[in-house]
Amino acid sequence: AGPWPPGRGRMDVEEPNMNPAHPEAAAGLRSSSRRRALLGTGAMVLAGAGLSGCTSHGAYLQADAAGGQAFNLVQFFTGRTEATGMFQKRGGEAVQRFMVTIDGRMQGSQLVLDERFRHADGRTERRVWTLTPDGEGRWTGRADDVVGEARGEIRGPVFRWRYRLRLPVDGDIVEVDFDDWMFLVDADHVLNRAAMSKWGVELGQVTISFRKVPVEEAKP
């Protein structure tokens, strides 16, 4: 959910200068042209929730936490949700577009989100999140390709969601960090902006727009 970076679609990402304190890790990601194909971002973007604009997002949290409609994850994501999104390189070039159908249901006290991705190149993927409430306004989450636990916090109409995702790159598995910011626009729409980074250096951003599907429109 918001916690939803797109799947592992192939995309070219400009590689930043790597931390010299980790030469072996830098060598693992560096290509001779200083570009490499990084296979997809995991969810929804906006999916999924800082960015290089962390300061402005923090200000938004402080300014809007006391006003506007509160973001109720269970209410918004129970049932069918549809989303469209894209991944952009650091320079702004859109290199991956996708659509997502999310079916949400309660399983005891947990919110289960079954995400099905359809990429512009025809590929399909699936990710299933299990979200667990962790105190007032706080959530934890797990999925098969997420390292450990994702953690999130709601303040007013804003949900911030952070996690580490395993991505296959040229036959290897690379772990990257996602910081998602999800903004409740109204009862039926959410916007998500997420940053993907490695060693604290931003590699790109994901933007996702979610729409809650009315029950009468939802199809199996």
Protein backbone atom coordinates (compact mmCIF):
# COMPACT_ATOMS: atom_id res chain seq x y z
CA ALA A 1 0.00 0.00 0.00
CA GLY A 2 1.47 3.27 -0.56
CA PRO A 3 3.71 1.01 0.69
CA TRP A 4 3.75 -0.02 -2.91
CA PRO A 5 6.73 0.63 -5.06
CA PRO A 6 6.35 -0.80 -8.55
CA GLY A 7 7.62 -4.28 -9.22
CA ARG A 8 10.98 -5.30 -10.52
CA GLY A 9 10.74 -3.73 -13.94
CA ARG A 10 13.99 -3.00 -15.69
CA MET A 11 15.05 0.62 -15.58
CA ASP A 12 18.23 2.59 -16.16
CA VAL A 13 19.31 4.52 -13.11
CA GLU A 14 22.20 6.97 -13.03
CA GLU A 15 24.58 5.62 -10.46
CA PRO A 16 25.80 8.12 -7.85
CA ASN A 17 29.35 8.27 -6.56
CA MET A 18 29.55 5.49 -4.00
CA ASN A 19 30.82 5.88 -0.47
CA PRO A 20 34.57 5.08 -0.56
CA ALA A 21 34.15 3.47 2.84
CA HIS A 22 32.34 0.66 1.07
CA PRO A 23 34.46 -0.06 -2.03
CA GLU A 24 33.24 -3.64 -2.29
CA ALA A 25 29.61 -2.52 -2.31
CA ALA A 26 30.37 0.27 -4.75
CA ALA A 27 32.06 -2.20 -7.09
CA GLY A 28 28.97 -4.38 -6.91
CA LEU A 29 26.78 -1.63 -8.38
CA ARG A 30 29.24 0.29 -10.56
CA SER A 31 29.24 -0.25 -14.32
CA SER A 32 31.87 1.00 -16.77
CA SER A 33 29.44 3.57 -18.19
CA ARG A 34 28.34 4.59 -14.67
CA ARG A 35 24.85 3.44 -15.58
CA ARG A 36 23.24 0.17 -14.81
CA ALA A 37 19.92 -1.47 -15.13
CA LEU A 38 18.28 -1.49 -11.74
CA LEU A 39 15.36 -3.90 -11.75
CA GLY A 40 12.23 -2.23 -10.64
CA THR A 41 11.14 -0.50 -7.48
CA GLY A 42 8.82 -2.38 -5.32
CA ALA A 43 5.49 -0.63 -4.65
CA MET A 44 3.29 1.72 -4.75
CA VAL A 45 4.75 4.40 -4.88
CA LEU A 46 4.04 6.88 -3.41
CA ALA A 47 3.73 3.46 -2.85
CA GLY A 48 3.94 3.27 -1.16
CA ALA A 49 6.39 7.32 2.13
CA GLY A 50 12.71 11.20 3.17
CA LEU A 51 13.06 12.31 -0.11
CA SER A 52 15.53 14.97 -1.10
CA GLY A 53 12.55 17.11 -0.12
CA CYS A 54 12.26 15.68 3.37
CA THR A 55 12.16 19.10 4.94
CA SER A 56 9.08 20.15 3.00
CA HIS A 57 7.39 16.84 3.78
CA GLY A 58 8.15 17.30 7.46
CA ALA A 59 6.66 20.78 7.33
CA TYR A 60 3.57 19.32 5.68
CA LEU A 61 3.23 16.82 8.53
CA GLN A 62 3.46 19.56 11.15
CA ALA A 63 1.18 21.97 9.32
CA ASP A 64 -1.52 19.50 8.35
CA ALA A 65 -1.49 16.92 11.12
CA ALA A 66 -4.09 18.83 13.14
CA GLY A 67 -6.41 19.54 10.21
CA GLY A 68 -8.03 17.81 7.26
CA GLN A 69 -9.44 14.31 7.11
CA ALA A 70 -7.52 11.68 9.07
CA PHE A 71 -5.95 8.92 6.97
CA ASN A 72 -7.60 5.63 7.93
CA LEU A 73 -5.61 2.87 6.19
CA VAL A 74 -8.18 0.17 6.88
CA GLN A 75 -11.05 2.26 5.59
CA PHE A 76 -9.25 3.34 2.43
CA PHE A 77 -7.59 0.06 1.44
CA THR A 78 -10.26 -2.47 2.39
CA GLY A 79 -11.84 -3.63 -0.86
CA ARG A 80 -10.48 -2.81 -4.34
CA THR A 81 -8.04 0.01 -5.06
CA GLU A 82 -6.52 0.86 -8.45
CA ALA A 83 -3.38 2.89 -9.06
CA THR A 84 -1.13 4.20 -11.82
CA GLY A 85 2.49 5.13 -11.30
CA MET A 86 5.93 5.76 -12.71
CA PHE A 87 9.57 5.56 -11.71
CA GLN A 88 11.84 8.54 -12.49
CA LYS A 89 15.61 8.69 -12.45
CA ARG A 90 17.31 11.35 -10.37
CA GLY A 91 17.31 13.69 -13.36
CA GLY A 92 13.54 13.39 -13.76
CA GLU A 93 13.38 11.06 -16.77
CA ALA A 94 10.44 8.64 -16.50
CA VAL A 95 11.79 5.16 -17.29
CA GLN A 96 9.09 2.84 -15.95
CA ARG A 97 5.29 3.08 -15.95
CA PHE A 98 2.86 0.66 -14.36
CA MET A 99 -0.67 0.03 -13.13
CA VAL A 100 -1.61 -1.72 -9.88
CA THR A 101 -4.75 -3.43 -8.65
CA ILE A 102 -4.87 -3.86 -4.86
CA ASP A 103 -7.35 -6.06 -3.03
CA GLY A 104 -7.41 -5.36 0.70
CA ARG A 105 -9.02 -7.36 3.48
CA MET A 106 -8.89 -7.64 7.23
CA GLN A 107 -7.44 -10.83 8.69
CA GLY A 108 -8.01 -10.55 12.40
CA SER A 109 -6.38 -7.26 13.39
CA GLN A 110 -4.08 -7.25 10.33
CA LEU A 111 -4.63 -5.54 7.00
CA VAL A 112 -3.63 -7.75 4.04
CA LEU A 113 -2.95 -6.02 0.71
CA ASP A 114 -2.68 -8.17 -2.40
CA GLU A 115 -0.98 -6.05 -5.09
CA ARG A 116 -0.91 -7.05 -8.77
CA PHE A 117 1.31 -5.00 -11.06
CA ARG A 118 0.96 -4.58 -14.82
CA HIS A 119 3.97 -2.88 -16.40
CA ALA A 120 3.93 -0.88 -19.61
CA ASP A 121 6.15 -3.51 -21.26
CA GLY A 122 3.59 -6.24 -20.52
CA ARG A 123 5.21 -7.84 -17.48
CA THR A 124 3.11 -8.70 -14.44
CA GLU A 125 4.06 -9.08 -10.79
CA ARG A 126 2.50 -9.67 -7.41
CA ARG A 127 3.33 -8.55 -3.86
CA VAL A 128 1.32 -9.32 -0.72
CA TRP A 129 1.72 -7.01 2.26
CA THR A 130 0.60 -7.87 5.79
CA LEU A 131 0.23 -4.73 7.90
CA THR A 132 -0.12 -4.85 11.67
CA PRO A 133 -1.20 -1.96 13.94
CA ASP A 134 1.55 -0.97 16.36
CA GLY A 135 -0.01 1.64 18.61
CA GLU A 136 -1.91 4.80 17.81
CA GLY A 137 -1.20 5.90 14.24
CA ARG A 138 1.67 3.41 13.82
CA TRP A 139 1.92 0.32 11.61
CA THR A 140 4.45 -2.38 10.82
CA GLY A 141 4.44 -4.52 7.69
CA ARG A 142 6.00 -7.51 6.00
CA ALA A 143 6.22 -8.87 2.46
CA ASP A 144 8.34 -11.61 0.88
CA ASP A 145 10.83 -9.22 -0.77
CA VAL A 146 11.04 -6.79 2.15
CA VAL A 147 14.00 -7.01 4.52
CA GLY A 148 12.77 -7.27 8.09
CA GLU A 149 9.85 -5.02 9.02
CA ALA A 150 8.49 -1.95 7.32
CA ARG A 151 7.44 0.83 9.69
CA GLY A 152 4.98 3.62 9.21
CA GLU A 153 3.24 6.46 11.03
CA ILE A 154 0.05 8.40 10.34
CA ARG A 155 -0.33 12.06 11.21
CA GLY A 156 -3.60 13.55 10.10
CA PRO A 157 -3.98 12.97 6.34
CA VAL A 158 -0.36 11.83 5.87
CA PHE A 159 1.14 8.34 6.12
CA ARG A 160 4.92 7.88 6.06
CA TRP A 161 6.11 4.34 5.29
CA ARG A 162 9.77 3.19 5.29
CA TYR A 163 11.27 -0.17 4.37
CA ARG A 164 14.17 -1.95 2.69
CA LEU A 165 13.46 -3.92 -0.48
CA ARG A 166 15.42 -6.71 -2.19
CA LEU A 167 15.82 -6.07 -5.92
CA PRO A 168 17.45 -8.42 -8.45
CA VAL A 169 20.18 -6.63 -10.43
CA ASP A 170 22.19 -8.43 -13.11
CA GLY A 171 21.79 -11.78 -11.38
CA ASP A 172 22.49 -10.41 -7.89
CA ILE A 173 20.18 -9.23 -5.13
CA VAL A 174 20.61 -5.60 -4.09
CA GLU A 175 18.92 -4.05 -1.06
CA VAL A 176 17.58 -0.51 -1.50
CA ASP A 177 15.69 1.77 0.88
CA PHE A 178 12.27 3.28 0.24
CA ASP A 179 10.78 6.28 2.00
CA ASP A 180 7.12 6.68 1.03
CA TRP A 181 4.90 9.68 1.76
CA MET A 182 1.20 9.07 1.16
CA PHE A 183 -1.23 12.01 1.14
CA LEU A 184 -4.97 11.53 1.53
CA VAL A 185 -6.61 13.84 -1.00
CA ASP A 186 -10.19 12.86 -0.19
CA ALA A 187 -12.09 9.74 0.84
CA ASP A 188 -11.44 8.08 -2.53
CA HIS A 189 -7.99 9.32 -3.62
CA VAL A 190 -4.42 9.11 -2.30
CA LEU A 191 -1.18 10.43 -3.80
CA ASN A 192 2.13 8.75 -3.00
CA ARG A 193 5.67 10.03 -3.50
CA ALA A 194 8.59 7.76 -2.65
CA ALA A 195 12.37 8.01 -2.78
CA MET A 196 14.57 5.02 -3.56
CA SER A 197 18.09 5.24 -2.15
CA LYS A 198 21.24 3.23 -1.49
CA TRP A 199 23.73 4.15 1.25
CA GLY A 200 21.75 7.36 1.76
CA VAL A 201 22.13 8.46 -1.88
CA GLU A 202 18.91 8.90 -3.84
CA LEU A 203 18.66 6.80 -7.00
CA GLY A 204 15.20 7.83 -8.17
CA GLN A 205 11.61 8.55 -7.22
CA VAL A 206 8.28 6.80 -7.58
CA THR A 207 4.95 8.58 -7.95
CA ILE A 208 1.61 6.76 -7.59
CA SER A 209 -2.00 7.89 -7.71
CA PHE A 210 -4.54 5.62 -5.93
CA ARG A 211 -8.29 5.50 -6.49
CA LYS A 212 -10.69 3.57 -4.28
CA VAL A 213 -12.96 1.51 -6.54
CA PRO A 214 -16.68 1.55 -5.67
CA VAL A 215 -18.00 -1.87 -4.72
CA GLU A 216 -20.30 -1.99 -7.74
CA GLU A 217 -17.29 -1.49 -10.09
CA ALA A 218 -14.98 -4.05 -8.50
CA LYS A 219 -14.63 -7.28 -10.47
CA PRO A 220 -13.06 -10.56 -9.27
